N, C-alpha and C. Protein backbone atom coordinates (compact mmCIF):
# COMPACT_ATOMS: atom_id res chain seq x y z
N MET A 1 -159.46 -65.73 174.49
CA MET A 1 -158.29 -65.22 174.09
C MET A 1 -158.01 -64.42 173.14
N VAL A 2 -156.93 -63.97 172.70
CA VAL A 2 -156.74 -62.63 172.26
C VAL A 2 -155.68 -62.78 170.89
N SER A 3 -156.35 -61.92 169.83
CA SER A 3 -155.68 -62.28 168.60
C SER A 3 -154.58 -60.95 168.96
N LEU A 4 -153.24 -60.74 168.33
CA LEU A 4 -152.05 -59.62 168.24
C LEU A 4 -152.24 -59.24 167.02
N ARG A 5 -152.81 -57.60 166.91
CA ARG A 5 -152.29 -56.95 166.02
C ARG A 5 -150.95 -56.88 165.54
N LYS A 6 -150.15 -56.70 166.63
CA LYS A 6 -149.15 -56.21 166.07
C LYS A 6 -147.89 -57.61 166.86
N ASN A 7 -146.80 -57.48 166.17
CA ASN A 7 -146.14 -58.57 166.07
C ASN A 7 -145.13 -58.59 167.20
N TYR A 8 -145.73 -59.23 168.19
CA TYR A 8 -144.65 -59.02 169.97
C TYR A 8 -144.38 -60.04 169.72
N ARG A 9 -143.03 -60.20 170.20
CA ARG A 9 -141.97 -61.62 170.74
C ARG A 9 -141.36 -62.02 171.80
N LEU A 10 -142.15 -62.95 171.90
CA LEU A 10 -142.47 -63.24 173.41
C LEU A 10 -140.82 -64.91 173.29
N LEU A 11 -140.28 -64.58 174.69
CA LEU A 11 -139.37 -65.10 174.92
C LEU A 11 -139.89 -66.18 176.03
N LEU A 12 -139.82 -67.52 175.73
CA LEU A 12 -139.68 -68.29 176.74
C LEU A 12 -138.82 -69.28 176.94
N ALA A 13 -138.95 -69.47 178.47
CA ALA A 13 -137.07 -70.19 179.20
C ALA A 13 -137.86 -70.54 180.11
N ASP A 14 -137.13 -72.28 179.87
CA ASP A 14 -137.96 -73.32 180.69
C ASP A 14 -136.72 -74.46 180.30
N ASP A 15 -136.55 -75.19 181.09
CA ASP A 15 -135.15 -76.14 181.17
C ASP A 15 -136.24 -77.71 180.85
N ASP A 16 -137.39 -77.54 180.68
CA ASP A 16 -138.34 -78.57 180.37
C ASP A 16 -139.01 -78.61 178.96
N PRO A 17 -138.47 -79.15 178.58
CA PRO A 17 -139.15 -79.39 176.83
C PRO A 17 -139.96 -79.62 176.39
N GLY A 18 -141.06 -80.39 177.54
CA GLY A 18 -142.30 -80.37 177.02
C GLY A 18 -142.95 -80.02 177.33
N PHE A 19 -142.94 -78.64 178.62
CA PHE A 19 -143.13 -77.37 178.99
C PHE A 19 -143.55 -76.37 177.94
N ARG A 20 -142.13 -76.71 177.70
CA ARG A 20 -141.81 -74.98 176.42
C ARG A 20 -142.85 -75.40 175.13
N GLU A 21 -142.95 -76.88 174.75
CA GLU A 21 -143.67 -77.48 173.87
C GLU A 21 -144.93 -76.84 174.28
N THR A 22 -145.64 -76.77 175.32
CA THR A 22 -147.15 -76.66 175.76
C THR A 22 -146.84 -75.26 175.66
N LEU A 23 -146.55 -74.54 176.49
CA LEU A 23 -146.22 -72.82 175.78
C LEU A 23 -146.01 -72.41 174.14
N ARG A 24 -145.49 -73.40 173.64
CA ARG A 24 -144.96 -73.04 172.62
C ARG A 24 -146.78 -72.88 171.64
N LEU A 25 -147.45 -74.34 171.91
CA LEU A 25 -148.61 -74.41 171.05
C LEU A 25 -149.72 -73.24 171.82
N ILE A 26 -149.24 -73.22 172.55
CA ILE A 26 -149.92 -71.48 173.46
C ILE A 26 -150.38 -70.70 172.68
N PHE A 27 -149.28 -70.63 172.68
CA PHE A 27 -148.74 -68.64 171.92
C PHE A 27 -148.48 -68.81 170.49
N GLU A 28 -147.64 -69.55 169.83
CA GLU A 28 -147.09 -69.67 168.45
C GLU A 28 -147.77 -69.23 167.92
N PRO A 29 -149.60 -69.09 167.44
CA PRO A 29 -150.23 -68.60 166.15
C PRO A 29 -150.41 -66.97 166.71
N HIS A 30 -149.73 -66.75 168.07
CA HIS A 30 -150.11 -65.17 168.31
C HIS A 30 -148.62 -64.40 168.22
N PHE A 31 -147.55 -65.28 168.42
CA PHE A 31 -146.20 -64.49 168.87
C PHE A 31 -145.12 -64.59 167.73
N SER A 32 -144.02 -64.29 167.59
CA SER A 32 -142.70 -65.14 167.00
C SER A 32 -142.10 -65.04 168.60
N LEU A 33 -141.87 -66.36 168.81
CA LEU A 33 -141.39 -66.86 169.49
C LEU A 33 -139.99 -67.12 169.65
N LEU A 34 -139.67 -66.50 170.78
CA LEU A 34 -137.80 -67.56 171.12
C LEU A 34 -137.82 -67.93 171.75
N GLU A 35 -137.38 -69.27 172.13
CA GLU A 35 -137.27 -70.45 173.01
C GLU A 35 -135.55 -70.55 173.66
N ALA A 36 -135.40 -70.49 174.97
CA ALA A 36 -134.29 -71.26 176.07
C ALA A 36 -134.47 -72.02 176.78
N ALA A 37 -133.85 -73.10 176.42
CA ALA A 37 -133.62 -74.13 177.50
C ALA A 37 -133.08 -73.60 179.22
N SER A 38 -132.00 -72.10 179.03
CA SER A 38 -131.93 -72.09 180.16
C SER A 38 -131.74 -70.84 180.58
N GLY A 39 -131.59 -70.38 181.13
CA GLY A 39 -131.13 -68.55 182.11
C GLY A 39 -129.81 -68.05 181.36
N GLU A 40 -128.91 -69.02 181.09
CA GLU A 40 -127.53 -68.28 180.08
C GLU A 40 -128.16 -67.95 178.91
N GLU A 41 -129.18 -69.24 177.87
CA GLU A 41 -128.88 -69.15 176.68
C GLU A 41 -130.50 -68.11 176.68
N ALA A 42 -131.23 -67.55 177.62
CA ALA A 42 -132.15 -66.42 177.35
C ALA A 42 -131.44 -65.36 177.61
N ILE A 43 -130.33 -65.17 178.28
CA ILE A 43 -129.59 -64.07 178.17
C ILE A 43 -129.14 -63.73 177.02
N GLU A 44 -128.67 -64.64 176.73
CA GLU A 44 -127.53 -64.16 175.14
C GLU A 44 -128.70 -64.25 173.91
N ILE A 45 -129.61 -64.63 174.27
CA ILE A 45 -130.89 -64.38 173.28
C ILE A 45 -131.58 -63.04 173.03
N SER A 46 -131.83 -62.64 174.41
CA SER A 46 -131.98 -61.32 174.83
C SER A 46 -130.76 -60.00 174.52
N GLY A 47 -129.92 -60.34 174.11
CA GLY A 47 -128.69 -59.99 173.82
C GLY A 47 -128.51 -59.34 172.63
N ARG A 48 -128.93 -60.45 171.96
CA ARG A 48 -129.03 -60.01 170.18
C ARG A 48 -130.36 -59.88 169.56
N SER A 49 -131.54 -59.89 170.18
CA SER A 49 -133.04 -60.12 169.61
C SER A 49 -133.82 -59.13 170.49
N ARG A 50 -134.75 -58.52 169.86
CA ARG A 50 -135.33 -57.91 170.95
C ARG A 50 -137.09 -58.65 171.53
N VAL A 51 -137.02 -58.59 172.76
CA VAL A 51 -137.75 -59.44 173.41
C VAL A 51 -138.43 -58.17 174.08
N ASP A 52 -139.98 -58.25 173.92
CA ASP A 52 -141.35 -57.96 173.87
C ASP A 52 -142.04 -58.17 175.61
N ILE A 53 -141.61 -59.27 175.66
CA ILE A 53 -142.47 -59.65 176.87
C ILE A 53 -141.42 -61.42 176.81
N ALA A 54 -141.49 -61.82 178.37
CA ALA A 54 -140.58 -62.99 179.09
C ALA A 54 -141.47 -63.71 179.73
N LEU A 55 -141.44 -65.26 179.07
CA LEU A 55 -141.73 -65.68 180.64
C LEU A 55 -140.79 -66.99 181.08
N LEU A 56 -140.34 -66.97 182.29
CA LEU A 56 -139.47 -67.74 182.94
C LEU A 56 -139.66 -68.46 183.84
N ASP A 57 -139.06 -69.63 183.68
CA ASP A 57 -139.08 -70.37 184.35
C ASP A 57 -138.49 -70.74 185.67
N MET A 58 -139.08 -70.28 187.08
CA MET A 58 -137.65 -70.05 188.02
C MET A 58 -136.97 -70.97 188.57
N HIS A 59 -136.96 -72.46 188.27
CA HIS A 59 -136.23 -73.36 188.64
C HIS A 59 -134.96 -74.25 187.33
N MET A 60 -134.25 -73.66 187.23
CA MET A 60 -133.77 -74.13 185.51
C MET A 60 -132.06 -74.04 185.92
N GLN A 61 -131.86 -74.73 185.42
CA GLN A 61 -130.34 -75.36 185.68
C GLN A 61 -128.69 -74.41 186.30
N THR A 62 -128.57 -74.29 186.50
CA THR A 62 -127.08 -73.13 186.71
C THR A 62 -127.70 -71.87 187.48
N MET A 63 -128.60 -70.92 186.42
CA MET A 63 -129.15 -69.89 186.56
C MET A 63 -130.56 -69.77 186.52
N THR A 64 -131.50 -69.33 187.73
CA THR A 64 -132.87 -69.19 187.94
C THR A 64 -133.50 -68.45 187.53
N GLY A 65 -134.69 -68.23 187.43
CA GLY A 65 -135.53 -67.64 186.12
C GLY A 65 -135.62 -66.33 187.22
N LEU A 66 -135.44 -66.05 188.50
CA LEU A 66 -135.18 -64.18 189.31
C LEU A 66 -133.66 -64.11 188.30
N GLU A 67 -132.71 -64.96 188.91
CA GLU A 67 -131.64 -64.24 188.33
C GLU A 67 -131.76 -63.65 186.64
N THR A 68 -131.75 -64.17 185.83
CA THR A 68 -132.43 -64.33 184.81
C THR A 68 -133.06 -63.03 184.12
N LEU A 69 -134.05 -62.47 185.18
CA LEU A 69 -134.93 -61.44 184.84
C LEU A 69 -133.95 -60.51 185.76
N LYS A 70 -133.08 -60.99 186.33
CA LYS A 70 -132.48 -59.22 187.27
C LYS A 70 -131.51 -59.26 185.69
N ILE A 71 -130.92 -60.21 184.89
CA ILE A 71 -130.30 -59.63 184.23
C ILE A 71 -131.06 -59.13 183.00
N PHE A 72 -132.13 -59.41 182.45
CA PHE A 72 -132.65 -59.56 181.50
C PHE A 72 -133.33 -57.87 181.68
N LYS A 73 -133.26 -57.73 182.81
CA LYS A 73 -134.10 -56.38 182.66
C LYS A 73 -133.13 -55.19 182.68
N THR A 74 -131.76 -55.70 182.52
CA THR A 74 -130.97 -54.00 182.42
C THR A 74 -130.82 -53.90 180.94
N ILE A 75 -131.05 -55.45 179.78
CA ILE A 75 -131.33 -55.38 178.94
C ILE A 75 -132.71 -54.82 177.93
N HIS A 76 -133.69 -55.04 178.45
CA HIS A 76 -134.90 -54.82 177.93
C HIS A 76 -135.71 -54.39 179.25
N ALA A 77 -135.76 -53.08 179.44
CA ALA A 77 -135.98 -52.42 180.61
C ALA A 77 -137.35 -52.59 181.04
N ALA A 78 -137.80 -52.30 179.87
CA ALA A 78 -139.56 -51.99 179.92
C ALA A 78 -140.42 -53.65 179.46
N ALA A 79 -139.68 -54.57 178.89
CA ALA A 79 -140.39 -55.53 178.63
C ALA A 79 -140.99 -56.34 180.06
N PRO A 80 -142.01 -56.83 180.18
CA PRO A 80 -142.65 -57.40 180.99
C PRO A 80 -141.86 -58.55 181.24
N CYS A 81 -141.51 -59.41 182.10
CA CYS A 81 -141.46 -60.47 182.74
C CYS A 81 -142.34 -61.46 183.70
N ILE A 82 -142.79 -62.32 183.31
CA ILE A 82 -143.83 -63.49 184.18
C ILE A 82 -142.67 -64.84 184.54
N LEU A 83 -142.58 -64.95 185.99
CA LEU A 83 -141.85 -65.95 186.47
C LEU A 83 -143.15 -66.95 186.47
N ILE A 84 -142.56 -68.11 186.36
CA ILE A 84 -143.54 -69.34 186.90
C ILE A 84 -142.78 -70.52 187.30
N THR A 85 -143.54 -70.74 188.59
CA THR A 85 -143.03 -72.05 189.44
C THR A 85 -143.69 -72.78 189.93
N ALA A 86 -143.64 -73.52 190.96
CA ALA A 86 -144.51 -74.54 191.92
C ALA A 86 -143.99 -74.36 193.28
N ASP A 87 -142.92 -73.13 193.18
CA ASP A 87 -142.32 -73.55 194.78
C ASP A 87 -142.73 -71.92 194.98
N ALA A 88 -143.74 -71.14 194.94
CA ALA A 88 -144.50 -69.90 194.99
C ALA A 88 -144.40 -70.15 196.33
N SER A 89 -144.19 -68.93 197.19
CA SER A 89 -144.27 -68.57 198.38
C SER A 89 -144.15 -66.63 198.59
N GLU A 90 -144.27 -65.85 199.47
CA GLU A 90 -144.87 -64.87 199.82
C GLU A 90 -143.30 -64.47 199.58
N GLU A 91 -142.09 -64.55 199.67
CA GLU A 91 -140.67 -64.57 199.84
C GLU A 91 -140.17 -63.76 198.47
N LEU A 92 -140.73 -65.39 197.68
CA LEU A 92 -140.24 -65.19 196.05
C LEU A 92 -141.20 -64.18 195.56
N GLN A 93 -142.30 -63.97 195.97
CA GLN A 93 -143.05 -62.87 195.34
C GLN A 93 -142.47 -61.54 195.69
N ARG A 94 -141.87 -61.63 196.86
CA ARG A 94 -141.76 -60.08 197.32
C ARG A 94 -140.34 -59.52 196.78
N THR A 95 -139.52 -60.57 196.08
CA THR A 95 -137.80 -60.39 196.02
C THR A 95 -138.30 -59.98 194.06
N ALA A 96 -139.03 -61.17 193.60
CA ALA A 96 -139.70 -60.81 192.18
C ALA A 96 -140.42 -59.74 191.93
N THR A 97 -141.21 -59.09 192.77
CA THR A 97 -141.68 -57.66 192.83
C THR A 97 -140.56 -56.90 192.39
N ALA A 98 -139.21 -56.54 194.14
CA ALA A 98 -138.49 -55.86 193.98
C ALA A 98 -137.60 -55.79 192.63
N ALA A 99 -137.90 -56.42 191.78
CA ALA A 99 -136.74 -57.16 190.95
C ALA A 99 -137.70 -56.94 189.30
N ASP A 100 -138.79 -56.61 189.68
CA ASP A 100 -139.64 -55.62 188.42
C ASP A 100 -140.50 -56.72 187.92
N ALA A 101 -140.66 -58.53 188.37
CA ALA A 101 -140.93 -59.01 187.61
C ALA A 101 -142.41 -58.36 187.37
N TYR A 102 -143.46 -59.08 186.38
CA TYR A 102 -144.55 -58.37 186.14
C TYR A 102 -145.74 -58.98 187.11
N SER A 103 -145.31 -60.12 187.28
CA SER A 103 -146.12 -61.26 187.73
C SER A 103 -145.28 -62.25 188.08
N VAL A 104 -145.96 -63.22 189.18
CA VAL A 104 -145.52 -64.60 189.46
C VAL A 104 -146.56 -65.67 189.39
N LEU A 105 -146.33 -66.82 188.18
CA LEU A 105 -147.43 -67.46 188.78
C LEU A 105 -147.04 -69.16 188.45
N HIS A 106 -148.08 -69.72 189.57
CA HIS A 106 -147.87 -70.89 190.47
C HIS A 106 -148.42 -71.60 189.57
N LYS A 107 -147.03 -72.67 189.16
CA LYS A 107 -147.64 -74.49 188.32
C LYS A 107 -148.68 -74.79 189.51
N PRO A 108 -149.30 -75.54 188.73
CA PRO A 108 -150.00 -75.84 187.68
C PRO A 108 -150.63 -74.70 187.08
N VAL A 109 -150.52 -73.88 186.28
CA VAL A 109 -150.74 -72.70 185.86
C VAL A 109 -151.74 -72.92 184.72
N SER A 110 -153.23 -72.48 184.59
CA SER A 110 -154.32 -72.41 183.99
C SER A 110 -153.52 -71.83 182.16
N ARG A 111 -154.50 -72.73 181.33
CA ARG A 111 -154.43 -71.53 180.37
C ARG A 111 -154.57 -70.61 179.84
N LEU A 112 -155.83 -70.47 180.70
CA LEU A 112 -156.48 -68.91 180.66
C LEU A 112 -155.60 -68.06 181.41
N GLU A 113 -155.25 -68.51 183.11
CA GLU A 113 -154.13 -67.36 183.70
C GLU A 113 -153.49 -67.18 182.34
N LEU A 114 -152.65 -67.82 182.23
CA LEU A 114 -151.67 -67.43 181.24
C LEU A 114 -151.69 -66.56 180.29
N VAL A 115 -152.32 -66.95 179.30
CA VAL A 115 -152.89 -66.28 178.07
C VAL A 115 -153.30 -64.54 178.94
N THR A 116 -154.85 -64.52 179.96
CA THR A 116 -154.55 -63.30 180.48
C THR A 116 -153.88 -62.68 181.01
N THR A 117 -152.76 -63.38 181.79
CA THR A 117 -151.69 -62.48 182.49
C THR A 117 -150.74 -61.62 181.17
N VAL A 118 -150.27 -62.51 180.36
CA VAL A 118 -149.42 -62.06 179.05
C VAL A 118 -150.41 -61.03 178.66
N SER A 119 -151.42 -61.33 177.98
CA SER A 119 -152.57 -60.32 177.07
C SER A 119 -152.14 -58.69 178.07
N THR A 120 -152.55 -59.18 179.75
CA THR A 120 -152.57 -57.90 180.71
C THR A 120 -151.55 -57.24 180.47
N ALA A 121 -150.05 -57.68 180.15
CA ALA A 121 -148.91 -57.48 180.74
C ALA A 121 -148.63 -56.33 179.48
N LEU A 122 -149.06 -56.83 178.55
CA LEU A 122 -148.57 -55.98 177.43
C LEU A 122 -149.65 -54.76 176.99
N VAL A 123 -150.71 -55.22 177.26
CA VAL A 123 -151.55 -53.81 177.54
C VAL A 123 -151.22 -52.73 178.20
N ASP A 124 -150.77 -53.09 179.68
CA ASP A 124 -150.29 -52.24 180.95
C ASP A 124 -149.15 -51.39 180.15
N VAL A 125 -148.00 -52.55 180.09
CA VAL A 125 -146.63 -51.93 179.50
C VAL A 125 -146.50 -51.30 178.10
N TYR A 126 -147.28 -51.70 177.49
CA TYR A 126 -146.93 -51.05 175.71
C TYR A 126 -148.37 -50.04 175.96
N ASP A 127 -148.99 -50.03 176.72
CA ASP A 127 -150.43 -48.98 176.64
C ASP A 127 -150.55 -49.24 175.20
N ASP A 128 -151.09 -50.10 174.72
CA ASP A 128 -151.82 -49.85 173.48
C ASP A 128 -152.88 -51.19 173.31
N PRO A 129 -154.22 -49.92 173.48
CA PRO A 129 -155.26 -51.14 173.68
C PRO A 129 -156.36 -51.36 172.81
N GLU A 130 -155.39 -50.66 171.82
CA GLU A 130 -156.06 -51.52 170.07
C GLU A 130 -155.21 -52.33 169.68
N ALA A 131 -153.82 -53.38 170.95
CA ALA A 131 -153.27 -54.45 170.37
C ALA A 131 -153.59 -55.41 169.98
N PHE A 132 -155.12 -55.70 170.67
CA PHE A 132 -155.75 -56.96 170.62
C PHE A 132 -157.19 -56.77 170.21
N SER A 133 -157.70 -57.54 170.05
CA SER A 133 -158.52 -57.87 169.63
C SER A 133 -159.68 -59.29 170.03
N GLU A 134 -161.04 -59.57 170.39
CA GLU A 134 -161.09 -60.99 171.05
C GLU A 134 -160.68 -61.94 169.90
N PHE A 135 -160.45 -63.33 169.96
CA PHE A 135 -160.27 -64.17 169.25
C PHE A 135 -161.00 -65.69 170.16
N PRO A 136 -161.78 -66.08 169.73
CA PRO A 136 -162.38 -67.62 170.00
C PRO A 136 -161.68 -68.43 170.48
N ASP A 137 -161.83 -69.10 171.17
CA ASP A 137 -160.93 -70.17 171.57
C ASP A 137 -161.05 -71.68 171.09
């Protein structure tokens, strides 16, 4: 696990309150969190708040994570977006990559994979190798 030296803002968008709680427990000590229960709510939050990185569930009511990502990127073009899905396919991977998703993670996702992907995305996108220091689990 890493400890953040900057105050990054992480948007969690998932219509499953239990999964959002799990994500909150993992990331809350290290990020300022913004939470959305739908793609529409994620877009609304994005329009009024700085978002440095987003975790988006693929299957939400009304608007999918991919649809949310496409709109989100028009607001926060540089911010990395990570899709999380139980229905990963090569087609989704291609479509997500074309929409500028940083990564597609497959549920069930391990805590290590989730934290590593988020940490790597922040270093890659913000080119800030000093942003992190080692943090014991």
